[in-house]
Each structure stands twice: as structure tokens, then as C-alpha cells.
Amino acid sequence: MVEVSGSDARAWTAAHWDTLWQDVIEYGAVVVRGLGLDRPGVAVPFVRSLPVTLLTDREPFAARTRHADGVYSSLKWPPDQPMCMHHELSYTLEFPGLLVLACRTAPVVGGATGVADAASVLAALPPDLVERFERIGWLLERSYNGEIGTSTMDAFGTADPAAIAVYCRNNGIEYDWEPDGTLRTRQRRPAVIRHPVTGARCWFNQIAFLNEWTMAPEVRQYLVEVYGHGRLPFNTRFGDGTPIDSGIVEAINDVYDAHTVSRPWRAGDLMLIDNIRMAHSTEPHTGPRDIVVGMAEPVRLDGHLPDAVTSSYPQP
């Protein structure tokens, strides 16, 4: 963590950006305290001023508020529910390499953004499980039913079926429309990739977080009763379509828990996270929590897809 005081946020960050970037590569995450990003009208233009390429959010699993081009709120999530460890947009073909988080309002209790080193997580997982996921990848299934989860407009930037079809074909996503208007998608992705700068092998996915067994039991039971096992808003499987049982999900989350490091937010904090090196999570909280998010420095997944995925799956 770096503490500064009395500095203009833009000027200080511009002067120290190269050092901050190197610290992010070395440590995976950096917190800068004292930049005053909680002052009215500061955080959003600050994020847009950084020397990074910002991404348009696509395929989120929960809604965000768009503050400006490339700058969003954190995902809208029940404050009494944890948002478990994941890598942002790890199921897309282009995802952010860097997350920029600026805290405008810190929660009264909880709400920390935890991080877990992906290489250490990979090393701690059962080798046979890692080998299986590396060989066949993982599968994300989604149902856009217009009731729970994101809408097609939130996910694809359009509700036009023809435009959504083009997007899916260009991004390695199988899709079909059901008679009631529900869009169902399936996308296979690798579970392990190499860091583009360090070359380290990283456990990079949302296998556990988006799986039905990570949901609170009462939430899972309700969704299964309403939609059925095969029509949940989102769920994950092995890349060949085999279900992932609760024991596997529990084992993955236990490893994440053992490697989680977190620090409470203070209003005005800046946090930079290497989205490949570090998984991140959000603790339950009470009181308002306002985090401005920039998803930056796009990385393409091309070249990371295992043969078992590419041989049976459409690619752009």
C-alpha cells in the first residue's frame, strides 16, 4: 500500500504511473491511499485520465451503472451476499488485464475487495483436477430470461437477435432462442492461461463462482424450482458438458479462501489489480458502498484455448 497526502490525484498518478505499473506486475495488486478520489466529481474523470485503454463492458453476469465511456459502477449484488473469487470477464475472448477501482464511499462494515494469487491457487489445487480442466476446459451456460440476471441489452449492448447472433458467432458462443424468447448460450474456455508479461501459469476462470453450488442454498433451491436444472441464469460445467459436483466447487473455494488477502476500503482509495495474476472478491457489507470501476488494457484469449475446446467449438 502507498500512502500520499495533499496531492492532486491526476498529477501524482501521472508522475508515478510507471512505478505503479511495475508494482502491479510484481505484486499483483496495489492500493494508493490519500488521493481524495471521494471528493465530488473526481473519481470518474480521474479513471478516464489514466494512460490505459478502457474497455466497454460486455457479457457481465450482473448489471452495472455506466458512469462514462469505459467507467462503470461495481456489479449490482445483494450486499448481504459475498461475491466469491473470480477473474473479471474470464469467459470472454477479450477481457481486461487491469482493473482500476476508485472508492467514493466505503461501507460501514465489511465490503473489502479481497485478492488471491492465481499462480499460488493453481499450485494448491488437486493436480488431477487441474489436469482435467487444462485438457478439456470449462463451459459456461447462461439463460437470458428477462427476469433474473442481466438482460440481452446489458450483456450485448443490443436486444436485436440478428446483432446478438453476429456477436455470438464472432466470440465463440453457441446460442439458441427458445419459444418463450429466452436466449441460451454456451461458451467453452480454458481454465489455465499464461500471464502475458511474466509467463506464469495462472488459474484463470469463473468455474466456482458461477456454479450453482456456490449460490446460497435457498437461492439455488428457488432458481431450480422456478427454472429447472438446465435453465439457471448461469452455471458452469467441465468443458465436455459433464456436471461439476459440489465437492469440486467446495475444494476450489477452500483454496481461494486459504490464499485470500483483504484490506478494508477507505473512502478515496485507489486499487489497481492485475486481472490475470489476481482473482478478486467482495465481502458482504452494511451501509452504502460506491466503487468506480475501469476495466482496462484488453487481453485477447486467442492462443490460450486447449485443443479439446478449439476442435469442437466455433471460433471467430
Protein backbone atom coordinates (compact mmCIF):
# COMPACT_ATOMS: atom_id res chain seq x y z
CA MET A 1 0.00 0.00 0.00
CA VAL A 2 1.17 3.53 -0.85
CA GLU A 3 0.03 6.49 1.24
CA VAL A 4 0.12 10.04 -0.11
CA SER A 5 -1.44 13.23 1.17
CA GLY A 6 -2.30 16.63 -0.19
CA SER A 7 -1.60 15.60 -3.78
CA ASP A 8 -3.61 16.24 -6.90
CA ALA A 9 -4.78 12.76 -7.93
CA ARG A 10 -4.15 13.16 -11.65
CA ALA A 11 -0.78 14.86 -11.28
CA TRP A 12 0.52 12.40 -8.68
CA THR A 13 -0.62 9.35 -10.61
CA ALA A 14 0.81 10.64 -13.90
CA ALA A 15 4.17 11.21 -12.22
CA HIS A 16 4.24 7.76 -10.63
CA TRP A 17 2.42 5.66 -13.22
CA ASP A 18 5.45 3.68 -14.42
CA THR A 19 6.29 2.71 -10.84
CA LEU A 20 2.68 1.79 -10.07
CA TRP A 21 2.52 -0.35 -13.20
CA GLN A 22 5.69 -2.22 -12.25
CA ASP A 23 4.34 -2.75 -8.72
CA VAL A 24 1.14 -4.22 -10.14
CA ILE A 25 3.19 -6.66 -12.26
CA GLU A 26 5.39 -7.60 -9.28
CA TYR A 27 2.77 -7.84 -6.52
CA GLY A 28 -0.50 -8.34 -8.43
CA ALA A 29 -2.37 -5.52 -6.69
CA VAL A 30 -1.58 -2.07 -5.30
CA VAL A 31 -3.60 0.28 -3.07
CA VAL A 32 -2.92 4.03 -3.09
CA ARG A 33 -4.43 5.95 -0.20
CA GLY A 34 -4.85 9.70 0.13
CA LEU A 35 -5.65 10.78 -3.44
CA GLY A 36 -9.03 12.21 -2.46
CA LEU A 37 -11.00 10.22 -5.01
CA ASP A 38 -14.07 10.50 -2.78
CA ARG A 39 -14.43 14.22 -3.47
CA PRO A 40 -17.45 15.04 -5.64
CA GLY A 41 -16.80 14.82 -9.38
CA VAL A 42 -13.25 13.44 -9.05
CA ALA A 43 -13.29 9.64 -9.46
CA VAL A 44 -14.83 9.23 -12.92
CA PRO A 45 -12.67 11.80 -14.77
CA PHE A 46 -9.65 10.51 -12.85
CA VAL A 47 -10.15 6.95 -14.17
CA ARG A 48 -10.64 8.30 -17.69
CA SER A 49 -7.43 10.32 -17.41
CA LEU A 50 -5.20 7.31 -16.77
CA PRO A 51 -2.80 6.25 -19.56
CA VAL A 52 -4.65 2.99 -20.21
CA THR A 53 -7.08 1.65 -22.80
CA LEU A 54 -10.55 1.29 -21.28
CA LEU A 55 -12.95 -1.47 -22.37
CA THR A 56 -16.67 -1.38 -22.98
CA ASP A 57 -18.33 -3.85 -20.63
CA ARG A 58 -19.78 -6.86 -22.45
CA GLU A 59 -21.33 -10.10 -21.16
CA PRO A 60 -21.47 -9.14 -17.45
CA PHE A 61 -23.23 -11.61 -15.16
CA ALA A 62 -24.84 -8.78 -13.18
CA ALA A 63 -25.84 -5.24 -14.10
CA ARG A 64 -23.63 -2.17 -13.75
CA THR A 65 -24.31 1.55 -13.97
CA ARG A 66 -22.37 3.26 -16.76
CA HIS A 67 -20.81 6.50 -15.49
CA ALA A 68 -18.93 7.38 -18.71
CA ASP A 69 -17.32 5.58 -21.63
CA GLY A 70 -15.29 2.76 -20.09
CA VAL A 71 -16.17 3.71 -16.49
CA TYR A 72 -18.80 1.83 -14.50
CA SER A 73 -20.15 1.09 -11.05
CA SER A 74 -19.26 -2.18 -9.40
CA LEU A 75 -21.65 -5.02 -10.17
CA LYS A 76 -25.08 -4.73 -8.54
CA TRP A 77 -25.06 -7.54 -6.00
CA PRO A 78 -27.02 -8.23 -2.80
CA PRO A 79 -24.99 -6.57 -0.01
CA ASP A 80 -25.58 -9.50 2.38
CA GLN A 81 -24.14 -12.00 -0.13
CA PRO A 82 -20.41 -12.45 -0.84
CA MET A 83 -19.18 -12.11 -4.38
CA CYS A 84 -16.77 -15.04 -4.47
CA MET A 85 -13.34 -15.13 -6.05
CA HIS A 86 -13.22 -14.69 -9.82
CA HIS A 87 -11.30 -13.04 -12.64
CA GLU A 88 -13.27 -10.31 -14.36
CA LEU A 89 -14.82 -11.47 -17.66
CA SER A 90 -12.64 -14.60 -17.79
CA TYR A 91 -15.26 -16.21 -20.05
CA THR A 92 -14.95 -13.60 -22.82
CA LEU A 93 -12.49 -13.71 -25.72
CA GLU A 94 -11.27 -10.21 -24.83
CA PHE A 95 -11.01 -9.30 -21.15
CA PRO A 96 -9.33 -6.63 -19.01
CA GLY A 97 -5.73 -7.18 -17.98
CA LEU A 98 -6.04 -4.39 -15.41
CA LEU A 99 -8.84 -3.36 -13.05
CA VAL A 100 -8.93 0.21 -11.74
CA LEU A 101 -11.09 0.66 -8.62
CA ALA A 102 -11.75 4.05 -7.01
CA CYS A 103 -13.67 4.18 -3.72
CA ARG A 104 -16.12 7.07 -3.45
CA THR A 105 -17.97 5.68 -0.43
CA ALA A 106 -16.62 2.99 1.90
CA PRO A 107 -19.14 0.66 3.58
CA VAL A 108 -19.68 0.90 7.31
CA VAL A 109 -18.85 -2.78 7.88
CA GLY A 110 -17.24 -5.29 5.50
CA GLY A 111 -17.24 -4.85 1.76
CA ALA A 112 -13.49 -5.31 1.27
CA THR A 113 -12.18 -6.38 -2.12
CA GLY A 114 -10.09 -9.47 -1.44
CA VAL A 115 -7.42 -10.79 -3.80
CA ALA A 116 -5.87 -14.22 -4.27
CA ASP A 117 -2.73 -15.01 -6.26
CA ALA A 118 -3.75 -17.15 -9.24
CA ALA A 119 -0.42 -18.97 -9.58
CA SER A 120 -0.48 -19.94 -5.90
CA VAL A 121 -4.10 -21.07 -6.20
CA LEU A 122 -3.18 -23.21 -9.20
CA ALA A 123 -0.31 -24.84 -7.31
CA ALA A 124 -2.57 -25.64 -4.34
CA LEU A 125 -5.40 -27.27 -6.33
CA PRO A 126 -5.51 -31.08 -6.73
CA PRO A 127 -3.26 -31.95 -9.72
CA ASP A 128 -5.76 -34.38 -11.25
CA LEU A 129 -8.46 -31.69 -11.20
CA VAL A 130 -6.14 -29.15 -12.82
CA GLU A 131 -5.11 -31.67 -15.48
CA ARG A 132 -8.73 -32.39 -16.35
CA PHE A 133 -9.65 -28.73 -16.68
CA GLU A 134 -6.49 -27.97 -18.67
CA ARG A 135 -7.30 -30.80 -21.06
CA ILE A 136 -10.96 -30.04 -21.75
CA GLY A 137 -11.53 -26.50 -20.47
CA TRP A 138 -14.68 -25.31 -18.74
CA LEU A 139 -18.15 -24.48 -20.01
CA LEU A 140 -20.34 -21.52 -19.07
CA GLU A 141 -24.07 -21.88 -19.67
CA ARG A 142 -26.33 -18.82 -19.47
CA SER A 143 -30.05 -18.20 -19.83
CA TYR A 144 -31.21 -14.66 -20.53
CA ASN A 145 -34.82 -14.99 -19.41
CA GLY A 146 -35.64 -11.32 -18.86
CA GLU A 147 -36.40 -11.93 -15.18
CA ILE A 148 -33.21 -12.84 -13.26
CA GLY A 149 -29.68 -11.90 -14.25
CA THR A 150 -28.63 -9.46 -16.94
CA SER A 151 -30.72 -8.63 -19.98
CA THR A 152 -29.51 -9.11 -23.53
CA MET A 153 -29.16 -5.34 -23.75
CA ASP A 154 -26.88 -5.31 -20.68
CA ALA A 155 -24.85 -8.25 -21.98
CA PHE A 156 -24.52 -7.48 -25.69
CA GLY A 157 -25.34 -3.80 -26.00
CA THR A 158 -28.37 -4.67 -28.12
CA ALA A 159 -31.65 -6.57 -27.98
CA ASP A 160 -31.66 -7.24 -31.73
CA PRO A 161 -31.50 -11.03 -32.28
CA ALA A 162 -29.57 -10.61 -35.54
CA ALA A 163 -26.90 -8.43 -33.90
CA ILE A 164 -26.67 -10.82 -30.95
CA ALA A 165 -26.18 -13.72 -33.40
CA VAL A 166 -23.28 -11.88 -35.05
CA TYR A 167 -21.72 -11.15 -31.66
CA CYS A 168 -22.01 -14.77 -30.57
CA ARG A 169 -20.53 -16.12 -33.81
CA ASN A 170 -17.62 -13.68 -33.55
CA ASN A 171 -16.94 -14.57 -29.92
CA GLY A 172 -17.09 -18.37 -29.87
CA ILE A 173 -20.52 -18.60 -28.24
CA GLU A 174 -23.12 -21.22 -29.11
CA TYR A 175 -26.63 -19.82 -28.86
CA ASP A 176 -30.28 -20.65 -29.40
CA TRP A 177 -33.58 -18.86 -28.86
CA GLU A 178 -36.37 -20.69 -27.10
CA PRO A 179 -40.08 -20.22 -27.95
CA ASP A 180 -40.65 -18.04 -24.87
CA GLY A 181 -37.93 -15.62 -26.02
CA THR A 182 -35.20 -16.87 -23.65
CA LEU A 183 -31.71 -16.73 -25.13
CA ARG A 184 -29.49 -19.63 -24.06
CA THR A 185 -25.73 -19.58 -24.61
CA ARG A 186 -22.78 -21.93 -24.11
CA GLN A 187 -19.12 -20.98 -24.29
CA ARG A 188 -16.06 -23.13 -23.63
CA ARG A 189 -12.94 -21.50 -22.25
CA PRO A 190 -9.56 -22.53 -20.82
CA ALA A 191 -9.17 -22.84 -17.05
CA VAL A 192 -5.45 -22.03 -17.02
CA ILE A 193 -3.60 -19.40 -19.05
CA ARG A 194 -0.12 -17.91 -19.01
CA HIS A 195 0.43 -14.36 -17.87
CA PRO A 196 1.32 -12.29 -20.98
CA VAL A 197 4.16 -10.46 -19.19
CA THR A 198 5.60 -12.89 -16.64
CA GLY A 199 4.70 -16.17 -18.35
CA ALA A 200 3.41 -17.59 -15.06
CA ARG A 201 0.68 -20.23 -15.33
CA CYS A 202 -2.46 -18.85 -13.67
CA TRP A 203 -5.78 -20.41 -12.64
CA PHE A 204 -7.95 -18.00 -14.64
CA ASN A 205 -11.69 -18.65 -14.77
CA GLN A 206 -15.05 -18.34 -13.03
CA ILE A 207 -15.66 -22.07 -12.64
CA ALA A 208 -16.56 -21.93 -8.96
CA PHE A 209 -18.16 -18.51 -8.70
CA LEU A 210 -20.71 -19.01 -11.50
CA ASN A 211 -21.52 -22.58 -10.50
CA GLU A 212 -24.86 -23.45 -8.93
CA TRP A 213 -23.17 -24.92 -5.82
CA THR A 214 -21.61 -21.57 -4.89
CA MET A 215 -25.06 -19.99 -4.57
CA ALA A 216 -26.68 -19.71 -1.17
CA PRO A 217 -28.68 -22.95 -0.73
CA GLU A 218 -32.04 -21.17 -0.54
CA VAL A 219 -31.24 -19.19 -3.70
CA ARG A 220 -30.20 -22.30 -5.61
CA GLN A 221 -33.31 -24.17 -4.49
CA TYR A 222 -35.57 -21.32 -5.59
CA LEU A 223 -33.93 -21.00 -9.01
CA VAL A 224 -34.04 -24.74 -9.64
CA GLU A 225 -37.71 -24.87 -8.68
CA VAL A 226 -38.57 -21.95 -10.98
CA TYR A 227 -36.34 -22.65 -13.98
CA GLY A 228 -35.11 -26.25 -13.68
CA HIS A 229 -31.54 -27.58 -13.51
CA GLY A 230 -30.74 -26.88 -17.14
CA ARG A 231 -32.15 -23.36 -17.34
CA LEU A 232 -30.45 -21.49 -14.50
CA PRO A 233 -29.41 -17.88 -15.22
CA PHE A 234 -25.82 -19.16 -15.20
CA ASN A 235 -23.98 -22.36 -14.38
CA THR A 236 -20.63 -23.98 -15.15
CA ARG A 237 -19.57 -27.46 -16.26
CA PHE A 238 -16.46 -29.26 -17.40
CA GLY A 239 -15.67 -28.37 -20.99
CA ASP A 240 -17.17 -31.62 -22.26
CA GLY A 241 -20.50 -30.81 -20.59
CA THR A 242 -20.05 -33.05 -17.54
CA PRO A 243 -21.59 -31.52 -14.38
CA ILE A 244 -19.25 -30.15 -11.72
CA ASP A 245 -20.25 -31.57 -8.36
CA SER A 246 -20.46 -29.68 -5.10
CA GLY A 247 -17.28 -31.25 -3.72
CA ILE A 248 -15.18 -29.83 -6.56
CA VAL A 249 -16.68 -26.37 -6.13
CA GLU A 250 -16.07 -26.52 -2.38
CA ALA A 251 -12.45 -27.61 -2.91
CA ILE A 252 -11.79 -24.70 -5.28
CA ASN A 253 -13.39 -22.17 -2.93
CA ASP A 254 -11.44 -23.58 0.04
CA VAL A 255 -8.18 -22.98 -1.84
CA TYR A 256 -9.28 -19.45 -2.67
CA ASP A 257 -10.13 -18.83 1.00
CA ALA A 258 -6.70 -20.03 2.09
CA HIS A 259 -4.99 -17.57 -0.28
CA THR A 260 -7.21 -14.51 0.19
CA VAL A 261 -5.74 -11.22 1.34
CA SER A 262 -8.03 -8.26 2.00
CA ARG A 263 -7.85 -4.76 3.39
CA PRO A 264 -10.89 -2.62 4.33
CA TRP A 265 -11.72 0.18 1.95
CA ARG A 266 -11.30 3.78 2.95
CA ALA A 267 -13.11 6.50 1.05
CA GLY A 268 -10.76 7.92 -1.58
CA ASP A 269 -8.69 4.75 -2.05
CA LEU A 270 -7.36 3.70 -5.45
CA MET A 271 -6.83 -0.02 -6.08
CA LEU A 272 -5.11 -1.45 -9.16
CA ILE A 273 -5.47 -5.20 -9.77
CA ASP A 274 -3.72 -7.38 -12.33
CA ASN A 275 -6.81 -9.29 -13.51
CA ILE A 276 -4.81 -12.33 -14.65
CA ARG A 277 -2.39 -12.55 -11.73
CA MET A 278 -5.07 -11.97 -9.10
CA ALA A 279 -8.59 -13.26 -8.57
CA HIS A 280 -10.76 -10.86 -6.58
CA SER A 281 -13.87 -11.00 -4.42
CA THR A 282 -16.22 -8.75 -2.47
CA GLU A 283 -17.16 -9.34 1.15
CA PRO A 284 -20.74 -8.82 2.38
CA HIS A 285 -21.26 -5.36 3.76
CA THR A 286 -23.60 -2.95 5.51
CA GLY A 287 -24.02 0.67 4.55
CA PRO A 288 -23.55 2.24 1.10
CA ARG A 289 -20.58 1.04 -0.98
CA ASP A 290 -19.69 3.07 -4.07
CA ILE A 291 -16.74 1.82 -6.14
CA VAL A 292 -16.00 3.29 -9.56
CA VAL A 293 -14.57 0.66 -11.92
CA GLY A 294 -12.42 0.95 -15.01
CA MET A 295 -11.72 -2.26 -16.95
CA ALA A 296 -8.55 -1.60 -18.88
CA GLU A 297 -5.70 -2.94 -21.00
CA PRO A 298 -7.54 -5.56 -23.12
CA VAL A 299 -6.05 -9.04 -23.47
CA ARG A 300 -7.16 -11.49 -26.16
CA LEU A 301 -7.70 -15.12 -25.27
CA ASP A 302 -6.52 -16.29 -28.68
CA GLY A 303 -3.76 -18.89 -28.35
CA HIS A 304 -4.84 -19.99 -24.87
CA LEU A 305 -7.66 -22.31 -25.93
CA PRO A 306 -6.91 -26.04 -25.45
CA ASP A 307 -7.26 -28.38 -28.44
CA ALA A 308 -10.27 -30.09 -26.86
CA VAL A 309 -12.05 -26.74 -26.92
CA THR A 310 -11.00 -25.47 -30.35
CA SER A 311 -11.65 -28.77 -32.13
CA SER A 312 -15.33 -28.84 -31.15
CA TYR A 313 -16.20 -25.18 -30.83
CA PRO A 314 -16.71 -22.29 -33.29
CA GLN A 315 -14.05 -19.63 -33.18
CA PRO A 316 -14.08 -16.19 -34.82
